[in-house]
Each structure stands twice: as C-alpha cells, then as structure tokens.
Amino acid sequence: MGRHTPTRHAQSTPPRRRGLPVAVAVVTVLALAAVAWVVTRPSGAATRAADAEACRVDAAVRVTVVPEIGALVRDQLAGPIPIGGDRCAVAEVRTEPPLQTSGVLAGSDLGTQPQIWVPDDVSWATRAGATVDADGAELGQTSLVVATSRAVADGLGWSTTPPTWAEAAGRAVLPDPSEAAGLIALAALQSSAGPGELGDTAVVQAVVSAGRAGTGTEQALAAAVAGADDAPVVVATEQQVAAASADGAGDLAVVVPAEGAPVLSLPVLRTAAGR
C-alpha cells in the first residue's frame, strides 16, 4: 500500500459521487508526469505543495502499478492531491504484476479493486475490456533491449555487430511470458527467426529454456553490471536496465538487435471502480 492512510469520514459521501473527481485528479497528476521516466527527474510533489497546504484531506484513491515503476508513481503522488475547492485526496499506491491485477479487475467487488491502474503495456487495456477506460493518458514509454556484461558482448562480437533478435533471444534470460515484455520479446524472436514453423519452433524452444533457467532478470542484470565473464544475456526494458545500473553502469553492455527495439507504452487507466 502507499504511504498515506485515508481518513475514515471519506466514506460518508457515496462512492460514485467521490470516485469521479478523485480518480480524474490522480490521472491528471500522472499525465502531467508523463516524461521520459527512464531518467531521473525532480519530484512532482513539490509543484503541488502550495495548493495542498490549505486543503482538507477527505478522500483516498487506490492506485496499482507494476513493480518497476512503484517508486516513480509514489514520488509523483506523494502528499495531498487537490481535487477542487479546499478538498484533497491521498493516493494509496501498491505494486503487483499486471496478470494479478487483471484477475482482480475481473471480480465483482469494486471495493477491493484499484481505481487507477498502470500496467506495463497498453495491451493490458485490451485484455481488461470493459473493466477499464482504454483512452487514458500515457505515463511513458520504454524500449526492450538486450543486456549483458561488456566482456560477454565483446566475446560474442555484439559490440561491433549487433545480433538479430533470434540470435540474442535464443540464448537470453527472457521476461516472464505472462507479462507484456515477455510476450513482445517472444514476438520479436518469432519474427526474426523466420516465417511459419521456423518462428514457432524458436518460440517453443525459448519458452522451454526459460522454464528451465534458474536466473531471473534482476540477477542477470546484476551479473552484467558487475562485469562477470560468464554473465547471462538478458532481455529487459530500458527502465529495468536503468534501475540495475542506478549506482553506475559498471561493465554493463546494452545492445539493440539489428531489427530494432520494440517499445512498451505504459497507460494510466481508470477502472470501473474509479468511474
């Protein structure tokens, strides 16, 4: 959950009457924060401090985001959020994988569902169907790249000649296929490997290999930053790479395959509970 606790008297007003302005206010704040979120930026809370000083906190909004952007969203939604007149709301921010949130949204209890949802790609809006408003703002974009240690990249010749997605993903630690990044990585692999059975076989082999692998994305990136001679090759988002190298890039090598880098778009979605 987020760093703020809602005041109890917020429940005295019917949720439908409260929900719309509160949810819209949070979407607006996040829309204003729609910058290149891979890089460092100043806190958005400071720009709202003057307006929030005199307001009365009487509502809360539930916000669920993917884990990798939890810190950013908490920063942008820190402190009371003006929602009109002398009223303010606070945001309860929690992080969880999109597949889990999608399951929650499919339920019938609106009181337990997030009112604002930021998944890791706009494709989740299509999967969620009528449970979300698909025309929301965009928090930002991030590209899918290949990373490993400089030593491994040099040894493979990738520092001078980038590999194809088939060459890279076929030997890489891949994102979870239940997440958007994983599906997009598999699609890039399939397209690169060739039409029909060639692409399908490459995807099956990659999924089977991923199921046997004992190394996750975070561990693989940590080994790459440390410059290990046997560091795994890993497919990750630029945001994940930036987080792993926040204290210095070390000996990390980031490679964009020959076909280019697919882009994930992070939407800010208002759910049925926030309407």
Protein backbone atom coordinates (compact mmCIF):
# COMPACT_ATOMS: atom_id res chain seq x y z
CA MET A 1 0.00 0.00 0.00
CA GLY A 2 1.00 3.62 -0.29
CA ARG A 3 2.47 5.86 2.34
CA HIS A 4 -0.82 7.58 3.22
CA THR A 5 -3.83 6.38 5.21
CA PRO A 6 -7.30 7.57 4.14
CA THR A 7 -9.42 9.45 6.65
CA ARG A 8 -12.48 7.49 7.73
CA HIS A 9 -15.06 10.22 7.11
CA ALA A 10 -14.34 9.96 3.39
CA GLN A 11 -16.87 7.12 3.39
CA SER A 12 -19.74 9.43 4.37
CA THR A 13 -20.18 10.53 0.76
CA PRO A 14 -21.43 7.94 -1.78
CA PRO A 15 -18.50 6.37 -3.66
CA ARG A 16 -19.97 7.24 -7.06
CA ARG A 17 -20.03 10.93 -6.25
CA ARG A 18 -16.48 10.86 -4.87
CA GLY A 19 -14.94 8.44 -7.33
CA LEU A 20 -15.02 10.53 -10.48
CA PRO A 21 -13.22 13.70 -9.33
CA VAL A 22 -10.73 11.78 -7.19
CA ALA A 23 -9.76 9.34 -9.93
CA VAL A 24 -9.62 12.08 -12.54
CA ALA A 25 -7.34 14.14 -10.31
CA VAL A 26 -4.89 11.26 -9.96
CA VAL A 27 -4.93 10.57 -13.70
CA THR A 28 -4.23 14.26 -14.31
CA VAL A 29 -1.25 14.28 -11.95
CA LEU A 30 0.22 11.21 -13.62
CA ALA A 31 -0.46 12.64 -17.07
CA LEU A 32 1.48 15.76 -16.14
CA ALA A 33 4.30 13.47 -15.06
CA ALA A 34 4.38 11.78 -18.47
CA VAL A 35 8.04 12.37 -19.17
CA ALA A 36 10.94 10.13 -20.15
CA TRP A 37 10.59 8.12 -16.94
CA VAL A 38 13.74 6.09 -17.57
CA VAL A 39 15.85 9.06 -16.44
CA THR A 40 15.96 10.95 -13.14
CA ARG A 41 13.51 13.80 -12.65
CA PRO A 42 12.53 16.16 -9.80
CA SER A 43 9.67 15.23 -7.53
CA GLY A 44 6.21 16.19 -8.76
CA ALA A 45 5.07 16.58 -5.16
CA ALA A 46 6.94 19.87 -4.77
CA THR A 47 4.92 21.57 -7.51
CA ARG A 48 1.68 20.83 -5.66
CA ALA A 49 2.87 21.70 -2.15
CA ALA A 50 1.43 25.21 -2.07
CA ASP A 51 -2.03 24.09 -3.21
CA ALA A 52 -2.05 21.16 -0.80
CA GLU A 53 -1.08 23.12 2.33
CA ALA A 54 -4.54 24.54 2.95
CA CYS A 55 -6.70 21.69 1.68
CA ARG A 56 -8.73 19.18 3.66
CA VAL A 57 -7.93 15.51 3.02
CA ASP A 58 -11.26 13.71 2.83
CA ALA A 59 -10.81 11.03 0.18
CA ALA A 60 -8.42 8.33 -0.96
CA VAL A 61 -7.86 6.64 -4.28
CA ARG A 62 -6.45 3.17 -4.82
CA VAL A 63 -3.63 3.04 -7.37
CA THR A 64 -1.99 -0.19 -8.56
CA VAL A 65 1.14 -0.14 -10.73
CA VAL A 66 3.72 -2.59 -12.00
CA PRO A 67 6.59 -3.06 -9.51
CA GLU A 68 9.29 -1.45 -11.66
CA ILE A 69 7.60 1.97 -11.57
CA GLY A 70 6.36 1.87 -7.99
CA ALA A 71 8.96 4.35 -6.72
CA LEU A 72 8.24 6.81 -9.53
CA VAL A 73 4.47 6.76 -9.02
CA ARG A 74 4.80 7.09 -5.24
CA ASP A 75 7.03 10.11 -5.83
CA GLN A 76 4.56 11.74 -8.21
CA LEU A 77 1.59 11.06 -5.92
CA ALA A 78 3.30 11.93 -2.63
CA GLY A 79 1.34 14.35 -0.47
CA PRO A 80 -2.27 15.52 -0.75
CA ILE A 81 -3.69 15.96 -4.25
CA PRO A 82 -6.04 18.96 -4.73
CA ILE A 83 -9.38 17.86 -6.22
CA GLY A 84 -11.33 21.11 -6.12
CA GLY A 85 -12.24 23.78 -3.59
CA ASP A 86 -10.50 23.11 -0.30
CA ARG A 87 -10.64 19.33 -0.76
CA CYS A 88 -7.71 16.97 -1.28
CA ALA A 89 -7.22 13.27 -1.74
CA VAL A 90 -4.37 10.93 -0.94
CA ALA A 91 -3.21 8.04 -3.09
CA GLU A 92 -2.81 4.51 -1.78
CA VAL A 93 -0.18 3.07 -4.12
CA ARG A 94 0.51 -0.64 -4.32
CA THR A 95 2.60 -2.68 -6.73
CA GLU A 96 1.80 -6.04 -8.27
CA PRO A 97 2.26 -7.87 -11.60
CA PRO A 98 -0.32 -6.96 -14.27
CA LEU A 99 -1.64 -10.52 -14.54
CA GLN A 100 -2.60 -10.44 -10.87
CA THR A 101 -4.30 -7.05 -11.20
CA SER A 102 -6.15 -8.23 -14.30
CA GLY A 103 -7.59 -11.08 -12.25
CA VAL A 104 -8.72 -8.70 -9.52
CA LEU A 105 -10.45 -6.45 -12.06
CA ALA A 106 -12.38 -9.44 -13.38
CA GLY A 107 -14.04 -9.83 -9.98
CA SER A 108 -17.29 -8.22 -8.86
CA ASP A 109 -16.14 -6.46 -5.67
CA LEU A 110 -15.34 -2.90 -6.76
CA GLY A 111 -14.34 -2.00 -3.21
CA THR A 112 -11.21 -4.17 -3.42
CA GLN A 113 -10.20 -3.12 -6.93
CA PRO A 114 -7.78 -0.34 -7.86
CA GLN A 115 -9.36 2.83 -9.17
CA ILE A 116 -6.29 3.67 -11.24
CA TRP A 117 -4.11 1.04 -12.89
CA VAL A 118 -0.74 1.48 -14.60
CA PRO A 119 0.27 -1.84 -16.24
CA ASP A 120 3.47 -2.43 -18.18
CA ASP A 121 1.91 -2.03 -21.63
CA VAL A 122 -1.23 -0.70 -23.31
CA SER A 123 -2.06 -4.24 -24.47
CA TRP A 124 -3.45 -4.89 -20.98
CA ALA A 125 -6.23 -2.39 -21.67
CA THR A 126 -7.47 -4.62 -24.48
CA ARG A 127 -7.34 -7.70 -22.28
CA ALA A 128 -9.18 -5.94 -19.46
CA GLY A 129 -12.04 -4.97 -21.76
CA ALA A 130 -14.90 -3.02 -20.21
CA THR A 131 -13.30 -3.02 -16.75
CA VAL A 132 -11.07 -0.08 -17.75
CA ASP A 133 -11.32 3.11 -19.79
CA ALA A 134 -8.90 2.46 -22.63
CA ASP A 135 -8.48 6.09 -23.67
CA GLY A 136 -6.39 7.16 -20.69
CA ALA A 137 -3.16 9.13 -20.54
CA GLU A 138 0.28 7.66 -21.11
CA LEU A 139 2.81 7.73 -18.29
CA GLY A 140 5.74 6.97 -20.55
CA GLN A 141 7.44 4.52 -22.87
CA THR A 142 10.36 2.15 -22.56
CA SER A 143 12.19 0.04 -25.13
CA LEU A 144 13.03 -3.64 -24.94
CA VAL A 145 16.77 -4.23 -25.26
CA VAL A 146 19.41 -6.90 -24.74
CA ALA A 147 21.96 -6.56 -21.94
CA THR A 148 24.98 -8.47 -20.70
CA SER A 149 28.48 -7.71 -19.45
CA ARG A 150 30.95 -5.89 -21.67
CA ALA A 151 33.17 -8.98 -21.67
CA VAL A 152 30.40 -11.23 -22.95
CA ALA A 153 29.26 -8.70 -25.57
CA ASP A 154 32.83 -8.33 -26.84
CA GLY A 155 33.31 -12.09 -26.92
CA LEU A 156 30.15 -12.57 -28.98
CA GLY A 157 31.11 -9.76 -31.35
CA TRP A 158 27.98 -7.81 -30.44
CA SER A 159 29.92 -4.67 -29.53
CA THR A 160 30.64 -4.15 -33.23
CA THR A 161 27.91 -6.15 -34.98
CA PRO A 162 24.53 -6.32 -33.24
CA PRO A 163 22.79 -9.71 -33.28
CA THR A 164 19.34 -10.41 -34.64
CA TRP A 165 16.55 -10.95 -32.15
CA ALA A 166 16.66 -14.65 -32.97
CA GLU A 167 20.37 -14.81 -32.13
CA ALA A 168 20.02 -12.78 -28.94
CA ALA A 169 16.73 -14.05 -27.51
CA GLY A 170 17.59 -17.65 -28.31
CA ARG A 171 20.34 -17.57 -25.68
CA ALA A 172 18.90 -14.97 -23.30
CA VAL A 173 17.10 -14.85 -19.99
CA LEU A 174 13.65 -13.73 -21.12
CA PRO A 175 10.97 -11.76 -19.26
CA ASP A 176 8.03 -13.71 -17.86
CA PRO A 177 5.77 -14.63 -20.82
CA SER A 178 2.74 -13.66 -18.70
CA GLU A 179 3.98 -10.05 -18.78
CA ALA A 180 3.84 -7.70 -21.76
CA ALA A 181 7.63 -7.53 -22.06
CA GLY A 182 7.81 -11.31 -22.30
CA LEU A 183 5.16 -11.52 -25.00
CA ILE A 184 6.79 -8.74 -27.01
CA ALA A 185 10.19 -10.42 -26.71
CA LEU A 186 8.74 -13.69 -28.00
CA ALA A 187 7.03 -11.87 -30.87
CA ALA A 188 10.35 -10.24 -31.83
CA LEU A 189 12.05 -13.64 -31.68
CA GLN A 190 9.35 -15.27 -33.80
CA SER A 191 9.50 -12.57 -36.46
CA SER A 192 13.29 -12.69 -36.57
CA ALA A 193 13.59 -16.48 -36.72
CA GLY A 194 11.55 -16.77 -39.88
CA PRO A 195 8.04 -17.46 -41.17
CA GLY A 196 5.80 -20.34 -40.18
CA GLU A 197 7.37 -23.30 -38.46
CA LEU A 198 10.77 -21.64 -38.10
CA GLY A 199 9.41 -18.85 -35.92
CA ASP A 200 7.05 -21.13 -33.98
CA THR A 201 9.84 -23.58 -33.18
CA ALA A 202 12.12 -20.78 -31.98
CA VAL A 203 9.41 -19.54 -29.62
CA VAL A 204 8.74 -23.01 -28.20
CA GLN A 205 12.45 -23.60 -27.62
CA ALA A 206 12.81 -20.22 -25.91
CA VAL A 207 9.84 -20.84 -23.61
CA VAL A 208 11.12 -24.30 -22.66
CA SER A 209 14.60 -22.92 -21.98
CA ALA A 210 13.16 -20.08 -19.91
CA GLY A 211 11.24 -22.58 -17.81
CA ARG A 212 14.47 -24.42 -17.00
CA ALA A 213 16.54 -21.33 -16.30
CA GLY A 214 17.26 -20.54 -12.69
CA THR A 215 18.33 -16.93 -13.25
CA GLY A 216 15.85 -14.07 -13.18
CA THR A 217 16.11 -10.67 -14.83
CA GLU A 218 17.40 -8.87 -11.73
CA GLN A 219 20.12 -11.43 -11.04
CA ALA A 220 21.20 -11.45 -14.69
CA LEU A 221 21.44 -7.66 -14.79
CA ALA A 222 23.40 -7.60 -11.53
CA ALA A 223 25.94 -10.03 -13.00
CA ALA A 224 26.20 -7.89 -16.14
CA VAL A 225 26.79 -4.69 -14.17
CA ALA A 226 29.47 -6.50 -12.16
CA GLY A 227 31.23 -7.35 -15.42
CA ALA A 228 31.20 -11.11 -14.94
CA ASP A 229 32.92 -13.02 -17.75
CA ASP A 230 30.06 -15.54 -17.66
CA ALA A 231 27.22 -13.03 -17.20
CA PRO A 232 23.96 -14.16 -18.79
CA VAL A 233 22.45 -12.40 -21.76
CA VAL A 234 19.13 -10.89 -20.66
CA VAL A 235 16.22 -9.25 -22.44
CA ALA A 236 14.95 -6.35 -20.33
CA THR A 237 13.32 -2.95 -20.58
CA GLU A 238 15.45 0.18 -20.59
CA GLN A 239 13.83 1.10 -17.28
CA GLN A 240 14.97 -2.18 -15.71
CA VAL A 241 18.48 -1.59 -17.06
CA ALA A 242 18.49 1.94 -15.63
CA ALA A 243 17.34 0.68 -12.23
CA ALA A 244 20.01 -2.03 -12.18
CA SER A 245 22.74 0.48 -13.01
CA ALA A 246 21.49 3.34 -10.83
CA ASP A 247 24.76 3.34 -8.88
CA GLY A 248 26.86 3.24 -12.05
CA ALA A 249 26.77 1.30 -15.29
CA GLY A 250 29.87 -0.68 -14.35
CA ASP A 251 30.72 -3.11 -17.15
CA LEU A 252 27.16 -3.35 -18.45
CA ALA A 253 26.68 -3.51 -22.23
CA VAL A 254 23.30 -2.65 -23.73
CA VAL A 255 22.67 -3.98 -27.23
CA VAL A 256 19.87 -3.08 -29.62
CA PRO A 257 19.33 -6.01 -32.02
CA ALA A 258 19.56 -5.47 -35.76
CA GLU A 259 15.78 -5.28 -36.21
CA GLY A 260 15.46 -2.51 -33.63
CA ALA A 261 13.98 -2.19 -30.14
CA PRO A 262 10.25 -2.81 -29.56
CA VAL A 263 8.55 -0.16 -27.45
CA LEU A 264 6.24 -0.68 -24.49
CA SER A 265 3.77 2.08 -23.63
CA LEU A 266 2.62 2.50 -20.02
CA PRO A 267 -1.02 3.65 -19.92
CA VAL A 268 -2.76 5.31 -16.98
CA LEU A 269 -6.11 3.50 -16.89
CA ARG A 270 -9.20 4.44 -14.89
CA THR A 271 -11.06 1.30 -13.85
CA ALA A 272 -14.73 0.61 -13.22
CA ALA A 273 -14.09 1.23 -9.51
CA GLY A 274 -12.82 4.73 -10.32
CA ARG A 275 -15.66 5.86 -12.56
